[in-house]
PDB file of N, CA and C in Angstrom:
ATOM      1  N   MET A   1       0.849  -1.184   0.000  1.00  0.00           N
ATOM      2  CA  MET A   1       0.000   0.000   0.000  1.00  0.00           C
ATOM      3  C   MET A   1       0.884   1.232   0.000  1.00  0.00           C
ATOM      4  N   SER A   2       0.654   2.117  -0.917  1.00  0.00           N
ATOM      5  CA  SER A   2       1.441   3.346  -0.938  1.00  0.00           C
ATOM      6  C   SER A   2       0.623   4.484  -0.343  1.00  0.00           C
ATOM      7  N   LEU A   3       1.302   5.331   0.385  1.00  0.00           N
ATOM      8  CA  LEU A   3       0.657   6.469   1.038  1.00  0.00           C
ATOM      9  C   LEU A   3       0.792   7.696   0.153  1.00  0.00           C
ATOM     10  N   ASN A   4      -0.202   8.583   0.224  1.00  0.00           N
ATOM     11  CA  ASN A   4      -0.004   9.857  -0.456  1.00  0.00           C
ATOM     12  C   ASN A   4       0.905  10.720   0.426  1.00  0.00           C
ATOM     13  N   SER A   5       1.360  11.832  -0.082  1.00  0.00           N
ATOM     14  CA  SER A   5       2.369  12.619   0.631  1.00  0.00           C
ATOM     15  C   SER A   5       1.869  13.117   1.986  1.00  0.00           C
ATOM     16  N   ILE A   6       0.621  13.533   2.064  1.00  0.00           N
ATOM     17  CA  ILE A   6       0.105  14.064   3.335  1.00  0.00           C
ATOM     18  C   ILE A   6      -0.062  12.942   4.359  1.00  0.00           C
ATOM     19  N   GLU A   7      -0.489  11.768   3.924  1.00  0.00           N
ATOM     20  CA  GLU A   7      -0.604  10.622   4.839  1.00  0.00           C
ATOM     21  C   GLU A   7       0.773  10.248   5.388  1.00  0.00           C
ATOM     22  N   ARG A   8       1.775  10.259   4.521  1.00  0.00           N
ATOM     23  CA  ARG A   8       3.141   9.930   4.959  1.00  0.00           C
ATOM     24  C   ARG A   8       3.634  10.952   5.982  1.00  0.00           C
ATOM     25  N   GLU A   9       3.393  12.244   5.727  1.00  0.00           N
ATOM     26  CA  GLU A   9       3.838  13.286   6.651  1.00  0.00           C
ATOM     27  C   GLU A   9       3.131  13.160   8.002  1.00  0.00           C
ATOM     28  N   ILE A  10       1.849  12.856   7.975  1.00  0.00           N
ATOM     29  CA  ILE A  10       1.098  12.666   9.222  1.00  0.00           C
ATOM     30  C   ILE A  10       1.645  11.456   9.971  1.00  0.00           C
ATOM     31  N   LEU A  11       1.888  10.370   9.266  1.00  0.00           N
ATOM     32  CA  LEU A  11       2.425   9.158   9.890  1.00  0.00           C
ATOM     33  C   LEU A  11       3.811   9.436  10.491  1.00  0.00           C
ATOM     34  N   GLU A  12       4.636  10.191   9.778  1.00  0.00           N
ATOM     35  CA  GLU A  12       5.959  10.549  10.294  1.00  0.00           C
ATOM     36  C   GLU A  12       5.851  11.404  11.550  1.00  0.00           C
ATOM     37  N   LYS A  13       4.901  12.327  11.553  1.00  0.00           N
ATOM     38  CA  LYS A  13       4.699  13.203  12.719  1.00  0.00           C
ATOM     39  C   LYS A  13       4.235  12.381  13.923  1.00  0.00           C
ATOM     40  N   ILE A  14       3.344  11.427  13.703  1.00  0.00           N
ATOM     41  CA  ILE A  14       2.878  10.559  14.791  1.00  0.00           C
ATOM     42  C   ILE A  14       4.052   9.736  15.316  1.00  0.00           C
ATOM     43  N   ALA A  15       4.879   9.219  14.418  1.00  0.00           N
ATOM     44  CA  ALA A  15       6.038   8.410  14.813  1.00  0.00           C
ATOM     45  C   ALA A  15       7.026   9.231  15.643  1.00  0.00           C
ATOM     46  N   GLN A  16       7.249  10.470  15.253  1.00  0.00           N
ATOM     47  CA  GLN A  16       8.167  11.354  15.986  1.00  0.00           C
ATOM     48  C   GLN A  16       7.701  11.569  17.416  1.00  0.00           C
ATOM     49  N   ASN A  17       6.409  11.808  17.575  1.00  0.00           N
ATOM     50  CA  ASN A  17       5.864  12.177  18.884  1.00  0.00           C
ATOM     51  C   ASN A  17       5.445  10.987  19.734  1.00  0.00           C
ATOM     52  N   GLN A  18       5.397   9.801  19.162  1.00  0.00           N
ATOM     53  CA  GLN A  18       4.924   8.593  19.844  1.00  0.00           C
ATOM     54  C   GLN A  18       3.420   8.635  20.113  1.00  0.00           C
ATOM     55  N   LEU A  19       2.940   9.738  20.662  1.00  0.00           N
ATOM     56  CA  LEU A  19       1.520   9.936  20.966  1.00  0.00           C
ATOM     57  C   LEU A  19       1.211  11.390  20.640  1.00  0.00           C
ATOM     58  N   ILE A  20       0.188  11.625  19.846  1.00  0.00           N
ATOM     59  CA  ILE A  20      -0.132  12.997  19.456  1.00  0.00           C
ATOM     60  C   ILE A  20      -1.644  13.155  19.400  1.00  0.00           C
ATOM     61  N   THR A  21      -2.120  14.342  19.786  1.00  0.00           N
ATOM     62  CA  THR A  21      -3.563  14.581  19.733  1.00  0.00           C
ATOM     63  C   THR A  21      -3.961  15.027  18.332  1.00  0.00           C
ATOM     64  N   LYS A  22      -5.230  14.860  18.060  1.00  0.00           N
ATOM     65  CA  LYS A  22      -5.775  15.282  16.771  1.00  0.00           C
ATOM     66  C   LYS A  22      -5.598  16.796  16.601  1.00  0.00           C
ATOM     67  N   MET A  23      -5.792  17.547  17.695  1.00  0.00           N
ATOM     68  CA  MET A  23      -5.644  19.009  17.631  1.00  0.00           C
ATOM     69  C   MET A  23      -4.212  19.420  17.283  1.00  0.00           C
ATOM     70  N   GLU A  24      -3.233  18.703  17.829  1.00  0.00           N
ATOM     71  CA  GLU A  24      -1.832  19.000  17.503  1.00  0.00           C
ATOM     72  C   GLU A  24      -1.565  18.759  16.021  1.00  0.00           C
ATOM     73  N   LEU A  25      -2.166  17.704  15.479  1.00  0.00           N
ATOM     74  CA  LEU A  25      -1.978  17.423  14.049  1.00  0.00           C
ATOM     75  C   LEU A  25      -2.664  18.469  13.175  1.00  0.00           C
ATOM     76  N   ILE A  26      -3.819  18.945  13.596  1.00  0.00           N
ATOM     77  CA  ILE A  26      -4.502  20.007  12.839  1.00  0.00           C
ATOM     78  C   ILE A  26      -3.619  21.254  12.808  1.00  0.00           C
ATOM     79  N   LYS A  27      -3.043  21.616  13.956  1.00  0.00           N
ATOM     80  CA  LYS A  27      -2.145  22.778  14.012  1.00  0.00           C
ATOM     81  C   LYS A  27      -0.929  22.571  13.111  1.00  0.00           C
ATOM     82  N   PHE A  28      -0.369  21.364  13.145  1.00  0.00           N
ATOM     83  CA  PHE A  28       0.780  21.024  12.296  1.00  0.00           C
ATOM     84  C   PHE A  28       0.431  21.222  10.823  1.00  0.00           C
ATOM     85  N   LEU A  29      -0.724  20.723  10.410  1.00  0.00           N
ATOM     86  CA  LEU A  29      -1.129  20.843   9.011  1.00  0.00           C
ATOM     87  C   LEU A  29      -1.372  22.299   8.616  1.00  0.00           C
ATOM     88  N   LYS A  30      -2.034  23.046   9.495  1.00  0.00           N
ATOM     89  CA  LYS A  30      -2.341  24.451   9.190  1.00  0.00           C
ATOM     90  C   LYS A  30      -1.083  25.304   9.139  1.00  0.00           C
ATOM     91  N   ASN A  31      -0.248  25.184  10.173  1.00  0.00           N
ATOM     92  CA  ASN A  31       0.895  26.083  10.331  1.00  0.00           C
ATOM     93  C   ASN A  31       2.121  25.677   9.520  1.00  0.00           C
ATOM     94  N   GLU A  32       2.478  24.387   9.561  1.00  0.00           N
ATOM     95  CA  GLU A  32       3.706  23.963   8.895  1.00  0.00           C
ATOM     96  C   GLU A  32       3.485  23.542   7.447  1.00  0.00           C
ATOM     97  N   LYS A  33       2.355  22.959   7.156  1.00  0.00           N
ATOM     98  CA  LYS A  33       2.110  22.441   5.809  1.00  0.00           C
ATOM     99  C   LYS A  33       1.179  23.336   5.001  1.00  0.00           C
ATOM    100  N   LYS A  34       0.625  24.340   5.642  1.00  0.00           N
ATOM    101  CA  LYS A  34      -0.252  25.319   4.975  1.00  0.00           C
ATOM    102  C   LYS A  34      -1.438  24.660   4.268  1.00  0.00           C
ATOM    103  N   VAL A  35      -2.018  23.644   4.924  1.00  0.00           N
ATOM    104  CA  VAL A  35      -3.183  22.953   4.375  1.00  0.00           C
ATOM    105  C   VAL A  35      -4.419  23.790   4.689  1.00  0.00           C
ATOM    106  N   ALA A  36      -5.215  24.090   3.679  1.00  0.00           N
ATOM    107  CA  ALA A  36      -6.389  24.943   3.862  1.00  0.00           C
ATOM    108  C   ALA A  36      -7.450  24.278   4.741  1.00  0.00           C
ATOM    109  N   ASN A  37      -7.920  23.127   4.347  1.00  0.00           N
ATOM    110  CA  ASN A  37      -8.963  22.427   5.096  1.00  0.00           C
ATOM    111  C   ASN A  37      -8.317  21.341   5.965  1.00  0.00           C
ATOM    112  N   ALA A  38      -7.553  21.771   6.970  1.00  0.00           N
ATOM    113  CA  ALA A  38      -6.745  20.841   7.761  1.00  0.00           C
ATOM    114  C   ALA A  38      -7.582  19.755   8.427  1.00  0.00           C
ATOM    115  N   LYS A  39      -8.736  20.117   8.983  1.00  0.00           N
ATOM    116  CA  LYS A  39      -9.545  19.119   9.685  1.00  0.00           C
ATOM    117  C   LYS A  39     -10.069  18.058   8.718  1.00  0.00           C
ATOM    118  N   GLY A  40     -10.557  18.473   7.581  1.00  0.00           N
ATOM    119  CA  GLY A  40     -11.066  17.526   6.587  1.00  0.00           C
ATOM    120  C   GLY A  40      -9.978  16.621   6.041  1.00  0.00           C
ATOM    121  N   VAL A  41      -8.825  17.205   5.749  1.00  0.00           N
ATOM    122  CA  VAL A  41      -7.686  16.438   5.242  1.00  0.00           C
ATOM    123  C   VAL A  41      -7.236  15.431   6.300  1.00  0.00           C
ATOM    124  N   LEU A  42      -7.159  15.895   7.556  1.00  0.00           N
ATOM    125  CA  LEU A  42      -6.725  15.011   8.637  1.00  0.00           C
ATOM    126  C   LEU A  42      -7.715  13.876   8.863  1.00  0.00           C
ATOM    127  N   ASP A  43      -9.002  14.189   8.881  1.00  0.00           N
ATOM    128  CA  ASP A  43     -10.021  13.146   9.072  1.00  0.00           C
ATOM    129  C   ASP A  43      -9.910  12.068   7.998  1.00  0.00           C
ATOM    130  N   SER A  44      -9.711  12.488   6.764  1.00  0.00           N
ATOM    131  CA  SER A  44      -9.567  11.548   5.657  1.00  0.00           C
ATOM    132  C   SER A  44      -8.305  10.699   5.823  1.00  0.00           C
ATOM    133  N   ALA A  45      -7.203  11.337   6.187  1.00  0.00           N
ATOM    134  CA  ALA A  45      -5.935  10.617   6.363  1.00  0.00           C
ATOM    135  C   ALA A  45      -6.015   9.641   7.535  1.00  0.00           C
ATOM    136  N   ILE A  46      -6.646  10.066   8.635  1.00  0.00           N
ATOM    137  CA  ILE A  46      -6.790   9.192   9.798  1.00  0.00           C
ATOM    138  C   ILE A  46      -7.611   7.960   9.429  1.00  0.00           C
ATOM    139  N   LYS A  47      -8.680   8.175   8.685  1.00  0.00           N
ATOM    140  CA  LYS A  47      -9.534   7.053   8.268  1.00  0.00           C
ATOM    141  C   LYS A  47      -8.733   6.050   7.435  1.00  0.00           C
ATOM    142  N   SER A  48      -7.956   6.557   6.495  1.00  0.00           N
ATOM    143  CA  SER A  48      -7.146   5.710   5.627  1.00  0.00           C
ATOM    144  C   SER A  48      -6.054   4.991   6.419  1.00  0.00           C
ATOM    145  N   LEU A  49      -5.306   5.734   7.241  1.00  0.00           N
ATOM    146  CA  LEU A  49      -4.206   5.147   8.006  1.00  0.00           C
ATOM    147  C   LEU A  49      -4.717   4.125   9.014  1.00  0.00           C
ATOM    148  N   SER A  50      -5.847   4.419   9.621  1.00  0.00           N
ATOM    149  CA  SER A  50      -6.433   3.516  10.611  1.00  0.00           C
ATOM    150  C   SER A  50      -6.957   2.245   9.956  1.00  0.00           C
ATOM    151  N   SER A  51      -7.643   2.386   8.833  1.00  0.00           N
ATOM    152  CA  SER A  51      -8.210   1.209   8.156  1.00  0.00           C
ATOM    153  C   SER A  51      -7.117   0.290   7.610  1.00  0.00           C
ATOM    154  N   ASN A  52      -5.940   0.840   7.341  1.00  0.00           N
ATOM    155  CA  ASN A  52      -4.814   0.033   6.877  1.00  0.00           C
ATOM    156  C   ASN A  52      -3.972  -0.518   8.028  1.00  0.00           C
ATOM    157  N   GLY A  53      -4.356  -0.167   9.255  1.00  0.00           N
ATOM    158  CA  GLY A  53      -3.650  -0.692  10.427  1.00  0.00           C
ATOM    159  C   GLY A  53      -2.333  -0.004  10.726  1.00  0.00           C
ATOM    160  N   PHE A  54      -2.136   1.220  10.208  1.00  0.00           N
ATOM    161  CA  PHE A  54      -0.886   1.937  10.428  1.00  0.00           C
ATOM    162  C   PHE A  54      -0.900   2.778  11.699  1.00  0.00           C
ATOM    163  N   ILE A  55      -2.099   3.131  12.170  1.00  0.00           N
ATOM    164  CA  ILE A  55      -2.229   3.890  13.416  1.00  0.00           C
ATOM    165  C   ILE A  55      -3.380   3.320  14.237  1.00  0.00           C
ATOM    166  N   ASN A  56      -3.342   3.605  15.536  1.00  0.00           N
ATOM    167  CA  ASN A  56      -4.456   3.293  16.425  1.00  0.00           C
ATOM    168  C   ASN A  56      -4.970   4.594  17.007  1.00  0.00           C
ATOM    169  N   ILE A  57      -6.261   4.664  17.212  1.00  0.00           N
ATOM    170  CA  ILE A  57      -6.898   5.832  17.799  1.00  0.00           C
ATOM    171  C   ILE A  57      -7.236   5.473  19.239  1.00  0.00           C
ATOM    172  N   ILE A  58      -6.745   6.288  20.179  1.00  0.00           N
ATOM    173  CA  ILE A  58      -7.013   6.033  21.596  1.00  0.00           C
ATOM    174  C   ILE A  58      -7.504   7.318  22.259  1.00  0.00           C
ATOM    175  N   ASN A  59      -8.126   7.164  23.410  1.00  0.00           N
ATOM    176  CA  ASN A  59      -8.633   8.324  24.154  1.00  0.00           C
ATOM    177  C   ASN A  59      -8.186   8.251  25.615  1.00  0.00           C
ATOM    178  N   PRO A  60      -6.868   8.350  25.879  1.00  0.00           N
ATOM    179  CA  PRO A  60      -6.380   8.169  27.247  1.00  0.00           C
ATOM    180  C   PRO A  60      -6.625   9.367  28.158  1.00  0.00           C
ATOM    181  N   ILE A  61      -6.724  10.555  27.586  1.00  0.00           N
ATOM    182  CA  ILE A  61      -6.847  11.761  28.404  1.00  0.00           C
ATOM    183  C   ILE A  61      -8.094  12.562  28.044  1.00  0.00           C
ATOM    184  N   GLY A  62      -9.064  11.884  27.483  1.00  0.00           N
ATOM    185  CA  GLY A  62     -10.292  12.571  27.096  1.00  0.00           C
ATOM    186  C   GLY A  62     -10.216  13.229  25.736  1.00  0.00           C
ATOM    187  N   ALA A  63      -9.024  13.283  25.167  1.00  0.00           N
ATOM    188  CA  ALA A  63      -8.849  13.843  23.826  1.00  0.00           C
ATOM    189  C   ALA A  63      -8.469  12.706  22.887  1.00  0.00           C
ATOM    190  N   THR A  64      -8.863  12.823  21.639  1.00  0.00           N
ATOM    191  CA  THR A  64      -8.517  11.797  20.660  1.00  0.00           C
ATOM    192  C   THR A  64      -7.022  11.870  20.375  1.00  0.00           C
ATOM    193  N   CYS A  65      -6.337  10.759  20.628  1.00  0.00           N
ATOM    194  CA  CYS A  65      -4.899  10.676  20.391  1.00  0.00           C
ATOM    195  C   CYS A  65      -4.611   9.576  19.381  1.00  0.00           C
ATOM    196  N   LEU A  66      -3.485   9.721  18.720  1.00  0.00           N
ATOM    197  CA  LEU A  66      -3.086   8.752  17.704  1.00  0.00           C
ATOM    198  C   LEU A  66      -1.713   8.202  18.037  1.00  0.00           C
ATOM    199  N   VAL A  67      -1.558   6.911  17.829  1.00  0.00           N
ATOM    200  CA  VAL A  67      -0.261   6.253  18.003  1.00  0.00           C
ATOM    201  C   VAL A  67       0.022   5.413  16.765  1.00  0.00           C
ATOM    202  N   ILE A  68       1.293   5.270  16.443  1.00  0.00           N
ATOM    203  CA  ILE A  68       1.680   4.478  15.275  1.00  0.00           C
ATOM    204  C   ILE A  68       1.756   3.002  15.674  1.00  0.00           C
ATOM    205  N   THR A  69       1.430   2.128  14.749  1.00  0.00           N
ATOM    206  CA  THR A  69       1.516   0.686  14.982  1.00  0.00           C
ATOM    207  C   THR A  69       2.828   0.160  14.403  1.00  0.00           C
ATOM    208  N   GLN A  70       3.124  -1.110  14.651  1.00  0.00           N
ATOM    209  CA  GLN A  70       4.318  -1.719  14.058  1.00  0.00           C
ATOM    210  C   GLN A  70       4.236  -1.687  12.534  1.00  0.00           C
ATOM    211  N   ASP A  71       3.046  -1.952  12.007  1.00  0.00           N
ATOM    212  CA  ASP A  71       2.872  -1.904  10.546  1.00  0.00           C
ATOM    213  C   ASP A  71       3.149  -0.501  10.011  1.00  0.00           C
ATOM    214  N   GLY A  72       2.696   0.508  10.751  1.00  0.00           N
ATOM    215  CA  GLY A  72       2.946   1.887  10.348  1.00  0.00           C
ATOM    216  C   GLY A  72       4.424   2.211  10.334  1.00  0.00           C
ATOM    217  N   SER A  73       5.135   1.714  11.335  1.00  0.00           N
ATOM    218  CA  SER A  73       6.592   1.931  11.394  1.00  0.00           C
ATOM    219  C   SER A  73       7.288   1.260  10.218  1.00  0.00           C
ATOM    220  N   LYS A  74       6.829   0.067   9.871  1.00  0.00           N
ATOM    221  CA  LYS A  74       7.431  -0.658   8.739  1.00  0.00           C
ATOM    222  C   LYS A  74       7.235   0.106   7.428  1.00  0.00           C
ATOM    223  N   VAL A  75       6.063   0.690   7.249  1.00  0.00           N
ATOM    224  CA  VAL A  75       5.777   1.448   6.025  1.00  0.00           C
ATOM    225  C   VAL A  75       6.729   2.632   5.894  1.00  0.00           C
ATOM    226  N   LEU A  76       7.020   3.289   7.007  1.00  0.00           N
ATOM    227  CA  LEU A  76       7.935   4.435   6.970  1.00  0.00           C
ATOM    228  C   LEU A  76       9.361   4.016   6.636  1.00  0.00           C
ATOM    229  N   GLU A  77       9.721   2.790   6.994  1.00  0.00           N
ATOM    230  CA  GLU A  77      11.069   2.311   6.713  1.00  0.00           C
ATOM    231  C   GLU A  77      11.279   1.977   5.244  1.00  0.00           C
ATOM    232  N   GLU A  78      10.196   1.744   4.513  1.00  0.00           N
ATOM    233  CA  GLU A  78      10.294   1.356   3.102  1.00  0.00           C
ATOM    234  C   GLU A  78      10.750   2.508   2.229  1.00  0.00           C
TER     235      GLU A  78
END
């Protein structure tokens, strides 16, 4: 499975942080990547990455957080 560029960048950001909130990723997309519809783009990427088993969605602190899976780490190594 090949990732599009934004999915890869999101996956890399999750891998860097180990655990990241959805809000932090929205800020990352808006500020660093200059994505116009950051929430929509992120929701789509999360759905794709999650359905492929590259990330897990957890709610440890009441906020939606994302963590990378072993499969996600392997994809980044390719």
